C-alpha atoms as a PDB file:
ATOM      1  CA  MET A   1       0.022  -0.152   0.076  1.00  0.00           C
ATOM      2  CA  SER A   2       1.019   3.227  -0.550  1.00  0.00           C
ATOM      3  CA  LEU A   3       0.015   6.694  -0.769  1.00  0.00           C
ATOM      4  CA  GLN A   4       0.373   9.782  -3.710  1.00  0.00           C
ATOM      5  CA  LEU A   5       1.093  13.016  -2.552  1.00  0.00           C
ATOM      6  CA  SER A   6      -2.352  14.448  -3.211  1.00  0.00           C
ATOM      7  CA  ASN A   7      -3.604  11.715  -0.693  1.00  0.00           C
ATOM      8  CA  VAL A   8      -1.099  12.696   1.853  1.00  0.00           C
ATOM      9  CA  ALA A   9      -2.264  16.209   1.721  1.00  0.00           C
ATOM     10  CA  ASN A  10      -5.733  14.993   2.425  1.00  0.00           C
ATOM     11  CA  LEU A  11      -4.476  13.218   5.394  1.00  0.00           C
ATOM     12  CA  CYS A  12      -2.558  16.262   6.848  1.00  0.00           C
ATOM     13  CA  LYS A  13      -5.947  18.022   6.718  1.00  0.00           C
ATOM     14  CA  LYS A  14      -7.279  15.324   9.273  1.00  0.00           C
ATOM     15  CA  GLU A  15      -5.792  17.589  12.201  1.00  0.00           C
ATOM     16  CA  PRO A  16      -4.778  21.111  12.264  1.00  0.00           C
ATOM     17  CA  TYR A  17      -1.039  21.678  11.894  1.00  0.00           C
ATOM     18  CA  PHE A  18       1.229  24.627  11.709  1.00  0.00           C
ATOM     19  CA  VAL A  19       4.751  25.472  12.219  1.00  0.00           C
ATOM     20  CA  TYR A  20       6.861  28.445  13.320  1.00  0.00           C
ATOM     21  CA  PRO A  21      10.374  30.082  13.926  1.00  0.00           C
ATOM     22  CA  TRP A  22      10.219  28.580  17.287  1.00  0.00           C
ATOM     23  CA  GLY A  23       7.314  27.100  17.614  1.00  0.00           C
ATOM     24  CA  THR A  24       3.379  27.554  19.296  1.00  0.00           C
ATOM     25  CA  ASN A  25       0.829  25.368  20.141  1.00  0.00           C
ATOM     26  CA  PRO A  26      -2.697  26.478  19.599  1.00  0.00           C
ATOM     27  CA  SER A  27      -4.026  25.232  22.819  1.00  0.00           C
ATOM     28  CA  TYR A  28      -1.863  27.435  24.783  1.00  0.00           C
ATOM     29  CA  GLY A  29      -3.313  30.249  22.911  1.00  0.00           C
ATOM     30  CA  PHE A  30      -1.326  33.175  21.860  1.00  0.00           C
ATOM     31  CA  ALA A  31       2.113  31.836  23.382  1.00  0.00           C
ATOM     32  CA  ALA A  32       5.672  30.664  22.248  1.00  0.00           C
ATOM     33  CA  VAL A  33       5.818  26.980  23.724  1.00  0.00           C
ATOM     34  CA  TYR A  34       9.248  26.289  21.924  1.00  0.00           C
ATOM     35  CA  SER A  35       9.020  22.399  22.388  1.00  0.00           C
ATOM     36  CA  GLY A  36       6.853  20.652  20.055  1.00  0.00           C
ATOM     37  CA  PHE A  37       9.609  19.420  17.407  1.00  0.00           C
ATOM     38  CA  ILE A  38      12.045  17.997  19.918  1.00  0.00           C
ATOM     39  CA  LYS A  39       8.958  16.197  21.828  1.00  0.00           C
ATOM     40  CA  SER A  40       7.539  14.802  18.703  1.00  0.00           C
ATOM     41  CA  LEU A  41      10.874  13.707  17.288  1.00  0.00           C
ATOM     42  CA  THR A  42      11.879  12.027  20.321  1.00  0.00           C
ATOM     43  CA  LEU A  43       8.859  10.133  20.977  1.00  0.00           C
ATOM     44  CA  CYS A  44       8.340   8.998  17.690  1.00  0.00           C
ATOM     45  CA  ILE A  45      12.209   7.730  17.908  1.00  0.00           C
ATOM     46  CA  LYS A  46      11.621   5.863  21.074  1.00  0.00           C
ATOM     47  CA  LYS A  47       8.329   4.338  20.118  1.00  0.00           C
ATOM     48  CA  GLY A  48       9.746   3.471  16.858  1.00  0.00           C
ATOM     49  CA  VAL A  49       6.820   5.054  14.506  1.00  0.00           C
ATOM     50  CA  GLY A  50       6.615   7.047  11.623  1.00  0.00           C
ATOM     51  CA  TYR A  51       7.223  10.990  12.264  1.00  0.00           C
ATOM     52  CA  ARG A  52       6.396  13.771  10.191  1.00  0.00           C
ATOM     53  CA  PHE A  53       9.415  16.553   9.188  1.00  0.00           C
ATOM     54  CA  VAL A  54      10.011  19.334   6.699  1.00  0.00           C
ATOM     55  CA  ARG A  55      12.997  20.089   4.890  1.00  0.00           C
ATOM     56  CA  VAL A  56      13.718  23.642   4.088  1.00  0.00           C
ATOM     57  CA  SER A  57      16.019  24.019   1.817  1.00  0.00           C
ATOM     58  CA  ASN A  58      14.900  20.939  -0.773  1.00  0.00           C
ATOM     59  CA  PRO A  59      11.431  20.816   0.365  1.00  0.00           C
ATOM     60  CA  ARG A  60      10.361  17.373   1.083  1.00  0.00           C
ATOM     61  CA  GLY A  61       9.078  15.872   4.311  1.00  0.00           C
ATOM     62  CA  ILE A  62       7.559  13.090   5.798  1.00  0.00           C
ATOM     63  CA  VAL A  63       3.632  12.727   6.954  1.00  0.00           C
ATOM     64  CA  LEU A  64       3.111  10.401   9.922  1.00  0.00           C
ATOM     65  CA  GLU A  65       0.549   7.694   9.001  1.00  0.00           C
ATOM     66  CA  ASN A  66      -1.379   7.850  12.782  1.00  0.00           C
ATOM     67  CA  GLY A  67      -0.771  10.148  15.196  1.00  0.00           C
ATOM     68  CA  TYR A  68       1.704  12.677  16.110  1.00  0.00           C
ATOM     69  CA  ASN A  69      -0.085  15.435  13.895  1.00  0.00           C
ATOM     70  CA  ASP A  70       0.832  18.557  16.291  1.00  0.00           C
ATOM     71  CA  PHE A  71       4.465  18.447  15.521  1.00  0.00           C
ATOM     72  CA  PHE A  72       6.247  21.568  15.287  1.00  0.00           C
ATOM     73  CA  LEU A  73       9.837  22.647  13.831  1.00  0.00           C
ATOM     74  CA  PRO A  74      11.184  25.816  16.263  1.00  0.00           C
ATOM     75  CA  VAL A  75      14.653  26.056  14.165  1.00  0.00           C
ATOM     76  CA  CYS A  76      14.136  26.161  10.710  1.00  0.00           C
ATOM     77  CA  ASP A  77      11.951  28.268   8.107  1.00  0.00           C
ATOM     78  CA  GLU A  78       9.747  26.398   6.268  1.00  0.00           C
ATOM     79  CA  VAL A  79       6.913  28.523   6.919  1.00  0.00           C
ATOM     80  CA  SER A  80       6.120  32.100   6.566  1.00  0.00           C
ATOM     81  CA  GLY A  81       3.525  34.374   8.174  1.00  0.00           C
ATOM     82  CA  PHE A  82       2.903  37.780   8.337  1.00  0.00           C
ATOM     83  CA  PHE A  83       1.692  37.612  12.304  1.00  0.00           C
ATOM     84  CA  LEU A  84       4.133  34.644  13.266  1.00  0.00           C
ATOM     85  CA  ARG A  85       6.261  36.988  15.827  1.00  0.00           C
ATOM     86  CA  GLN A  86       2.942  38.404  17.173  1.00  0.00           C
ATOM     87  CA  PHE A  87       1.610  34.783  17.525  1.00  0.00           C
ATOM     88  CA  ASN A  88       4.982  33.904  20.004  1.00  0.00           C
ATOM     89  CA  ARG A  89       4.409  36.109  22.793  1.00  0.00           C
ATOM     90  CA  ASP A  90       4.262  35.796  26.365  1.00  0.00           C
ATOM     91  CA  PRO A  91       0.841  34.050  27.395  1.00  0.00           C
ATOM     92  CA  LEU A  92      -2.120  36.187  28.394  1.00  0.00           C
ATOM     93  CA  PRO A  93      -3.482  35.452  32.099  1.00  0.00           C
ATOM     94  CA  PHE A  94      -5.705  32.520  31.802  1.00  0.00           C
ATOM     95  CA  GLN A  95      -5.991  32.373  27.889  1.00  0.00           C
ATOM     96  CA  ALA A  96      -5.435  28.425  27.954  1.00  0.00           C
ATOM     97  CA  LYS A  97      -8.433  28.139  29.960  1.00  0.00           C
ATOM     98  CA  LEU A  98     -10.811  29.718  27.509  1.00  0.00           C
ATOM     99  CA  PRO A  99     -13.005  27.246  25.706  1.00  0.00           C
ATOM    100  CA  PHE A 100     -12.302  28.594  22.021  1.00  0.00           C
ATOM    101  CA  ILE A 101      -8.594  29.645  22.045  1.00  0.00           C
ATOM    102  CA  LYS A 102      -7.571  26.389  20.240  1.00  0.00           C
ATOM    103  CA  ASP A 103      -9.837  27.045  17.438  1.00  0.00           C
ATOM    104  CA  VAL A 104      -9.412  30.774  17.129  1.00  0.00           C
ATOM    105  CA  VAL A 105      -5.483  30.534  16.843  1.00  0.00           C
ATOM    106  CA  SER A 106      -5.616  27.774  14.489  1.00  0.00           C
ATOM    107  CA  ALA A 107      -8.039  29.223  12.222  1.00  0.00           C
ATOM    108  CA  LEU A 108      -5.690  32.717  12.386  1.00  0.00           C
ATOM    109  CA  LEU A 109      -2.814  30.659  11.721  1.00  0.00           C
ATOM    110  CA  ARG A 110      -4.278  28.350   9.018  1.00  0.00           C
ATOM    111  CA  GLN A 111      -5.247  31.830   7.201  1.00  0.00           C
ATOM    112  CA  THR A 112      -1.936  33.796   7.427  1.00  0.00           C
ATOM    113  CA  THR A 113       0.859  31.340   7.090  1.00  0.00           C
ATOM    114  CA  THR A 114       1.914  29.396   4.247  1.00  0.00           C
ATOM    115  CA  SER A 115       4.095  26.589   4.191  1.00  0.00           C
ATOM    116  CA  SER A 116       6.847  25.871   1.547  1.00  0.00           C
ATOM    117  CA  ALA A 117       7.025  21.931   1.844  1.00  0.00           C
ATOM    118  CA  GLN A 118       5.742  18.949   0.396  1.00  0.00           C
ATOM    119  CA  TYR A 119       4.884  15.734   2.426  1.00  0.00           C
ATOM    120  CA  PHE A 120       5.165  12.274   2.015  1.00  0.00           C
ATOM    121  CA  LEU A 121       4.139   9.221   4.040  1.00  0.00           C
ATOM    122  CA  PHE A 122       6.764   7.641   6.526  1.00  0.00           C
ATOM    123  CA  SER A 123       5.692   4.418   8.440  1.00  0.00           C
ATOM    124  CA  SER A 124       7.420   1.937  10.654  1.00  0.00           C
ATOM    125  CA  LYS A 125       5.664  -0.836   8.319  1.00  0.00           C
ATOM    126  CA  LEU A 126       8.199  -1.082   5.336  1.00  0.00           C
ATOM    127  CA  SER A 127       5.053  -1.890   2.679  1.00  0.00           C
ATOM    128  CA  HIS A 128       3.830   1.614   3.502  1.00  0.00           C
ATOM    129  CA  LEU A 129       6.366   3.836   1.822  1.00  0.00           C
ATOM    130  CA  PRO A 130       4.868   5.594  -0.852  1.00  0.00           C
ATOM    131  CA  ASP A 131       5.498   5.822  -4.499  1.00  0.00           C
ATOM    132  CA  VAL A 132       7.592   9.216  -4.229  1.00  0.00           C
ATOM    133  CA  SER A 133      11.259   9.130  -4.697  1.00  0.00           C
ATOM    134  CA  LEU A 134      13.432   9.704  -1.356  1.00  0.00           C
ATOM    135  CA  PRO A 135      16.125  11.847  -1.749  1.00  0.00           C
ATOM    136  CA  GLN A 136      18.697  10.210  -3.407  1.00  0.00           C
ATOM    137  CA  THR A 137      21.631   9.613  -0.436  1.00  0.00           C
ATOM    138  CA  LEU A 138      18.603   8.166   1.635  1.00  0.00           C
ATOM    139  CA  GLU A 139      17.143   5.672  -1.120  1.00  0.00           C
ATOM    140  CA  MET A 140      19.851   3.132  -0.301  1.00  0.00           C
ATOM    141  CA  TYR A 141      18.449   3.005   3.457  1.00  0.00           C
ATOM    142  CA  LYS A 142      14.788   2.551   3.079  1.00  0.00           C
ATOM    143  CA  TYR A 143      14.294  -0.603   3.757  1.00  0.00           C
ATOM    144  CA  ASP A 144      16.575  -0.378   7.068  1.00  0.00           C
ATOM    145  CA  ASP A 145      14.340   1.296   9.555  1.00  0.00           C
ATOM    146  CA  PHE A 146      16.897   2.648  11.959  1.00  0.00           C
ATOM    147  CA  ILE A 147      19.345   3.595   9.278  1.00  0.00           C
ATOM    148  CA  LEU A 148      16.428   5.426   7.365  1.00  0.00           C
ATOM    149  CA  ARG A 149      15.550   7.283  10.473  1.00  0.00           C
ATOM    150  CA  ALA A 150      19.101   8.120  11.159  1.00  0.00           C
ATOM    151  CA  GLU A 151      19.779   9.583   8.216  1.00  0.00           C
ATOM    152  CA  LEU A 152      16.422  11.595   7.935  1.00  0.00           C
ATOM    153  CA  ALA A 153      16.978  13.107  11.103  1.00  0.00           C
ATOM    154  CA  ASN A 154      20.561  14.518  10.568  1.00  0.00           C
ATOM    155  CA  ALA A 155      19.286  15.933   7.037  1.00  0.00           C
ATOM    156  CA  LEU A 156      16.549  17.592   8.673  1.00  0.00           C
ATOM    157  CA  TRP A 157      18.265  18.835  12.184  1.00  0.00           C
ATOM    158  CA  LYS A 158      19.737  21.719  10.330  1.00  0.00           C
ATOM    159  CA  PHE A 159      19.688  25.238  12.285  1.00  0.00           C
ATOM    160  CA  ARG A 160      18.753  28.583  10.744  1.00  0.00           C
ATOM    161  CA  PRO A 161      21.913  30.740  10.735  1.00  0.00           C
ATOM    162  CA  ASP A 162      21.179  33.001  13.882  1.00  0.00           C
ATOM    163  CA  ILE A 163      20.461  29.537  15.777  1.00  0.00           C
ATOM    164  CA  ASP A 164      23.514  28.013  14.684  1.00  0.00           C
ATOM    165  CA  ALA A 165      25.290  31.001  16.046  1.00  0.00           C
ATOM    166  CA  SER A 166      23.912  31.341  18.923  1.00  0.00           C
ATOM    167  CA  ILE A 167      24.380  27.628  19.823  1.00  0.00           C
ATOM    168  CA  LYS A 168      28.237  28.022  18.964  1.00  0.00           C
ATOM    169  CA  ARG A 169      28.538  30.944  20.793  1.00  0.00           C
ATOM    170  CA  ILE A 170      27.134  28.718  24.317  1.00  0.00           C
ATOM    171  CA  ILE A 171      29.457  26.050  23.160  1.00  0.00           C
ATOM    172  CA  THR A 172      32.456  28.369  23.140  1.00  0.00           C
ATOM    173  CA  SER A 173      31.685  29.882  26.460  1.00  0.00           C
ATOM    174  CA  LEU A 174      32.674  26.427  28.069  1.00  0.00           C
ATOM    175  CA  VAL A 175      36.258  27.526  29.494  1.00  0.00           C
ATOM    176  CA  GLY A 176      38.842  24.717  28.638  1.00  0.00           C
ATOM    177  CA  PHE A 177      36.548  22.913  26.498  1.00  0.00           C
ATOM    178  CA  ASP A 178      36.945  21.887  22.783  1.00  0.00           C
ATOM    179  CA  ILE A 179      34.030  20.251  21.014  1.00  0.00           C
ATOM    180  CA  SER A 180      36.550  18.883  18.538  1.00  0.00           C
ATOM    181  CA  SER A 181      38.469  16.982  20.817  1.00  0.00           C
ATOM    182  CA  ASP A 182      38.461  13.413  21.836  1.00  0.00           C
ATOM    183  CA  PHE A 183      35.766  13.614  24.864  1.00  0.00           C
ATOM    184  CA  CYS A 184      33.012  11.439  25.937  1.00  0.00           C
ATOM    185  CA  ALA A 185      29.424  12.745  27.090  1.00  0.00           C
ATOM    186  CA  ALA A 186      26.406  11.479  29.187  1.00  0.00           C
ATOM    187  CA  VAL A 187      22.795  12.828  29.924  1.00  0.00           C
ATOM    188  CA  ILE A 188      21.317  12.616  33.236  1.00  0.00           C
ATOM    189  CA  ARG A 189      17.284  13.537  33.291  1.00  0.00           C
ATOM    190  CA  ARG A 190      15.728  14.724  36.672  1.00  0.00           C
ATOM    191  CA  GLY A 191      13.365  17.183  37.390  1.00  0.00           C
ATOM    192  CA  ASP A 192       9.639  15.960  36.834  1.00  0.00           C
ATOM    193  CA  LYS A 193      10.994  12.814  34.602  1.00  0.00           C
ATOM    194  CA  ILE A 194      10.156  11.241  37.969  1.00  0.00           C
ATOM    195  CA  LEU A 195       6.514  11.087  37.020  1.00  0.00           C
ATOM    196  CA  GLU A 196       7.428   9.192  33.964  1.00  0.00           C
ATOM    197  CA  SER A 197      10.054   6.693  35.347  1.00  0.00           C
ATOM    198  CA  ASN A 198      12.567   6.352  38.248  1.00  0.00           C
ATOM    199  CA  TYR A 199      15.583   8.328  38.006  1.00  0.00           C
ATOM    200  CA  ALA A 200      18.710   6.497  36.516  1.00  0.00           C
ATOM    201  CA  GLN A 201      20.793   5.887  39.383  1.00  0.00           C
ATOM    202  CA  LEU A 202      24.525   7.541  39.115  1.00  0.00           C
ATOM    203  CA  ASP A 203      26.283   4.456  39.958  1.00  0.00           C
ATOM    204  CA  LEU A 204      25.139   3.093  36.466  1.00  0.00           C
ATOM    205  CA  TYR A 205      27.441   6.058  34.663  1.00  0.00           C
ATOM    206  CA  VAL A 206      30.684   5.418  36.940  1.00  0.00           C
ATOM    207  CA  ASP A 207      30.699   1.830  36.371  1.00  0.00           C
ATOM    208  CA  SER A 208      30.285   2.530  32.573  1.00  0.00           C
ATOM    209  CA  ILE A 209      32.430   5.479  32.032  1.00  0.00           C
ATOM    210  CA  SER A 210      35.171   3.764  34.212  1.00  0.00           C
ATOM    211  CA  SER A 211      35.049   0.845  32.164  1.00  0.00           C
ATOM    212  CA  PHE A 212      35.423   2.589  28.761  1.00  0.00           C
ATOM    213  CA  VAL A 213      36.840   5.360  29.574  1.00  0.00           C
ATOM    214  CA  GLY A 214      40.866   6.398  30.978  1.00  0.00           C
ATOM    215  CA  LYS A 215      41.599   8.562  33.685  1.00  0.00           C
ATOM    216  CA  ASN A 216      41.995  11.997  32.687  1.00  0.00           C
ATOM    217  CA  ALA A 217      39.884  12.010  29.642  1.00  0.00           C
ATOM    218  CA  PRO A 218      37.445  15.326  29.426  1.00  0.00           C
ATOM    219  CA  VAL A 219      33.944  14.422  30.265  1.00  0.00           C
ATOM    220  CA  PHE A 220      30.825  16.465  29.611  1.00  0.00           C
ATOM    221  CA  ILE A 221      27.520  15.978  31.432  1.00  0.00           C
ATOM    222  CA  ALA A 222      24.365  17.199  30.335  1.00  0.00           C
ATOM    223  CA  SER A 223      21.588  17.326  32.795  1.00  0.00           C
ATOM    224  CA  ASP A 224      18.716  19.481  33.824  1.00  0.00           C
ATOM    225  CA  ASP A 225      19.730  19.380  37.465  1.00  0.00           C
ATOM    226  CA  ILE A 226      23.285  20.938  38.766  1.00  0.00           C
ATOM    227  CA  GLY A 227      23.057  18.810  41.806  1.00  0.00           C
ATOM    228  CA  ALA A 228      23.270  15.618  39.580  1.00  0.00           C
ATOM    229  CA  ILE A 229      26.059  17.395  37.645  1.00  0.00           C
ATOM    230  CA  TYR A 230      27.823  18.075  41.025  1.00  0.00           C
ATOM    231  CA  GLU A 231      27.347  14.499  42.042  1.00  0.00           C
ATOM    232  CA  LEU A 232      28.416  12.784  38.901  1.00  0.00           C
ATOM    233  CA  GLU A 233      31.407  14.868  38.801  1.00  0.00           C
ATOM    234  CA  ARG A 234      32.452  14.029  42.651  1.00  0.00           C
ATOM    235  CA  ARG A 235      32.334  10.481  41.689  1.00  0.00           C
ATOM    236  CA  LEU A 236      34.457  10.495  38.768  1.00  0.00           C
ATOM    237  CA  PRO A 237      37.892  12.052  40.486  1.00  0.00           C
ATOM    238  CA  GLY A 238      40.619  12.014  37.897  1.00  0.00           C
ATOM    239  CA  TYR A 239      38.604  12.935  35.237  1.00  0.00           C
ATOM    240  CA  GLN A 240      37.954  16.688  33.780  1.00  0.00           C
ATOM    241  CA  CYS A 241      34.376  17.146  33.885  1.00  0.00           C
ATOM    242  CA  PHE A 242      32.652  19.799  31.893  1.00  0.00           C
ATOM    243  CA  TYR A 243      28.982  21.126  31.931  1.00  0.00           C
ATOM    244  CA  LEU A 244      26.714  23.831  30.874  1.00  0.00           C
ATOM    245  CA  HIS A 245      24.737  25.444  33.842  1.00  0.00           C
ATOM    246  CA  PRO A 246      21.090  23.889  33.834  1.00  0.00           C
ATOM    247  CA  TYR A 247      18.563  26.658  33.607  1.00  0.00           C
ATOM    248  CA  PHE A 248      16.342  24.947  35.913  1.00  0.00           C
ATOM    249  CA  LYS A 249      17.539  24.941  39.642  1.00  0.00           C
ATOM    250  CA  ARG A 250      15.959  21.405  40.656  1.00  0.00           C
ATOM    251  CA  GLY A 251      15.850  19.823  37.291  1.00  0.00           C
ATOM    252  CA  TYR A 252      13.189  20.435  34.407  1.00  0.00           C
ATOM    253  CA  SER A 253       9.809  21.115  34.954  1.00  0.00           C
ATOM    254  CA  ASN A 254       7.272  21.442  32.402  1.00  0.00           C
ATOM    255  CA  ARG A 255       4.927  23.879  34.528  1.00  0.00           C
ATOM    256  CA  ALA A 256       7.820  26.010  35.350  1.00  0.00           C
ATOM    257  CA  PHE A 257       8.973  26.189  31.753  1.00  0.00           C
ATOM    258  CA  HIS A 258       5.461  27.312  30.506  1.00  0.00           C
ATOM    259  CA  ALA A 259       5.528  30.104  33.036  1.00  0.00           C
ATOM    260  CA  MET A 260       8.539  31.531  31.966  1.00  0.00           C
ATOM    261  CA  THR A 261       8.589  34.546  29.446  1.00  0.00           C
ATOM    262  CA  VAL A 262       9.373  33.652  25.793  1.00  0.00           C
ATOM    263  CA  ASP A 263      12.996  35.319  25.660  1.00  0.00           C
ATOM    264  CA  LEU A 264      13.720  32.882  29.029  1.00  0.00           C
ATOM    265  CA  ARG A 265      12.123  29.948  27.082  1.00  0.00           C
ATOM    266  CA  LYS A 266      14.253  30.676  24.027  1.00  0.00           C
ATOM    267  CA  ASP A 267      17.397  30.949  25.928  1.00  0.00           C
ATOM    268  CA  ALA A 268      16.683  27.517  27.680  1.00  0.00           C
ATOM    269  CA  LEU A 269      15.978  25.960  24.468  1.00  0.00           C
ATOM    270  CA  LEU A 270      19.431  27.521  22.846  1.00  0.00           C
ATOM    271  CA  ARG A 271      21.166  25.797  25.996  1.00  0.00           C
ATOM    272  CA  PHE A 272      19.317  22.571  25.653  1.00  0.00           C
ATOM    273  CA  LEU A 273      20.135  22.453  21.913  1.00  0.00           C
ATOM    274  CA  ALA A 274      23.792  23.503  22.690  1.00  0.00           C
ATOM    275  CA  GLN A 275      24.048  20.139  24.941  1.00  0.00           C
ATOM    276  CA  VAL A 276      22.590  18.062  22.069  1.00  0.00           C
ATOM    277  CA  GLU A 277      25.204  19.240  19.797  1.00  0.00           C
ATOM    278  CA  ILE A 278      27.976  18.594  22.259  1.00  0.00           C
ATOM    279  CA  LEU A 279      26.574  14.830  23.067  1.00  0.00           C
ATOM    280  CA  LYS A 280      26.515  14.434  19.213  1.00  0.00           C
ATOM    281  CA  ALA A 281      30.253  15.215  18.664  1.00  0.00           C
ATOM    282  CA  ALA A 282      31.360  12.962  21.754  1.00  0.00           C
ATOM    283  CA  ARG A 283      33.378  10.140  21.023  1.00  0.00           C
ATOM    284  CA  SER A 284      31.522   8.021  23.042  1.00  0.00           C
ATOM    285  CA  PHE A 285      27.817   8.777  24.618  1.00  0.00           C
ATOM    286  CA  PHE A 286      26.881   7.451  28.039  1.00  0.00           C
ATOM    287  CA  ALA A 287      22.791   7.051  28.011  1.00  0.00           C
ATOM    288  CA  THR A 288      19.859   5.614  29.946  1.00  0.00           C
ATOM    289  CA  ARG A 289      16.458   4.755  28.457  1.00  0.00           C
ATOM    290  CA  THR A 290      14.790   6.934  31.109  1.00  0.00           C
ATOM    291  CA  THR A 291      14.771  10.241  28.881  1.00  0.00           C
ATOM    292  CA  ASN A 292      13.437  11.053  25.348  1.00  0.00           C
ATOM    293  CA  VAL A 293      16.918  13.114  24.758  1.00  0.00           C
ATOM    294  CA  SER A 294      19.181   9.780  24.908  1.00  0.00           C
ATOM    295  CA  TYR A 295      16.931   8.326  21.908  1.00  0.00           C
ATOM    296  CA  LEU A 296      17.341  11.526  20.108  1.00  0.00           C
ATOM    297  CA  VAL A 297      21.176  11.891  20.685  1.00  0.00           C
ATOM    298  CA  ASN A 298      21.212   8.178  19.739  1.00  0.00           C
ATOM    299  CA  THR A 299      19.665   8.656  16.266  1.00  0.00           C
ATOM    300  CA  LEU A 300      21.467  11.903  15.375  1.00  0.00           C
ATOM    301  CA  ARG A 301      24.632   9.774  16.235  1.00  0.00           C
ATOM    302  CA  ARG A 302      23.327   6.945  14.012  1.00  0.00           C
ATOM    303  CA  GLY A 303      24.002   4.516  16.983  1.00  0.00           C
ATOM    304  CA  ARG A 304      27.645   5.277  17.035  1.00  0.00           C
ATOM    305  CA  ARG A 305      29.658   4.618  20.346  1.00  0.00           C
ATOM    306  CA  VAL A 306      26.353   4.831  22.275  1.00  0.00           C
ATOM    307  CA  HIS A 307      26.385   2.962  25.607  1.00  0.00           C
ATOM    308  CA  TRP A 308      23.120   2.285  27.363  1.00  0.00           C
ATOM    309  CA  VAL A 309      24.483   1.959  31.010  1.00  0.00           C
ATOM    310  CA  ASP A 310      20.821   0.896  32.185  1.00  0.00           C
END
């Protein structure tokens, strides 16, 4: 079974979807949310289902067969609209509780934004690949599910020039750290993650890093909790530990994130993206299956030298 582009276009219309510079969810009213693209990407990678993307420079994308139709791509410019900046603003008090806000925002966005992308279907069921040519560089991978996802994710994980420059500034602010050097990296998720799964124990990281990485090696620790960073650094004596100070004092909180101003959300996301870029570049990556960030980085690394400590 396969779908032509005209049928895919109709498939897209089943649920309203919009794409922004930075990203907004109509359910939150006129407010920048800044999380939809990364959340959709990581959930789809983790669950092993098809997902939908847009590539700007060579408009071609993937539309999901079932679910996850509310994705946003906050780091690219594949959509244009006169009022996008006005839509991405600090939340108005109680606006998300208004029963009509989603319909109003959706209607306005549908009328005032223009997409520059085309879509094709991608499903984890290989028989559902459409009669649409994949980009030539990806054609050879179309029968290997993980490799295809990894190649597509890397092809689409492209930042706007201003976003790229901001991320590089954050990375170069790390005194004594060189992203082009031979280093390893680990990610530790805390905060409200405890509502979804138990926290990964730091002993798992210590044992795995000690087994695969020699003393005095640089180790980049990515986390949303400074306490977890300090504790892992303490348990790795003899290693050179680096980190970007988390934006949240006690781990990421979805409630706290949505209460932040637009500028603070943007800064927090840029800091997160900088960590992802460092995790991608590391010689070895130590991760657990308790956070979607692990699945995202594993895919962007194409599975290269990823150590699942759990």
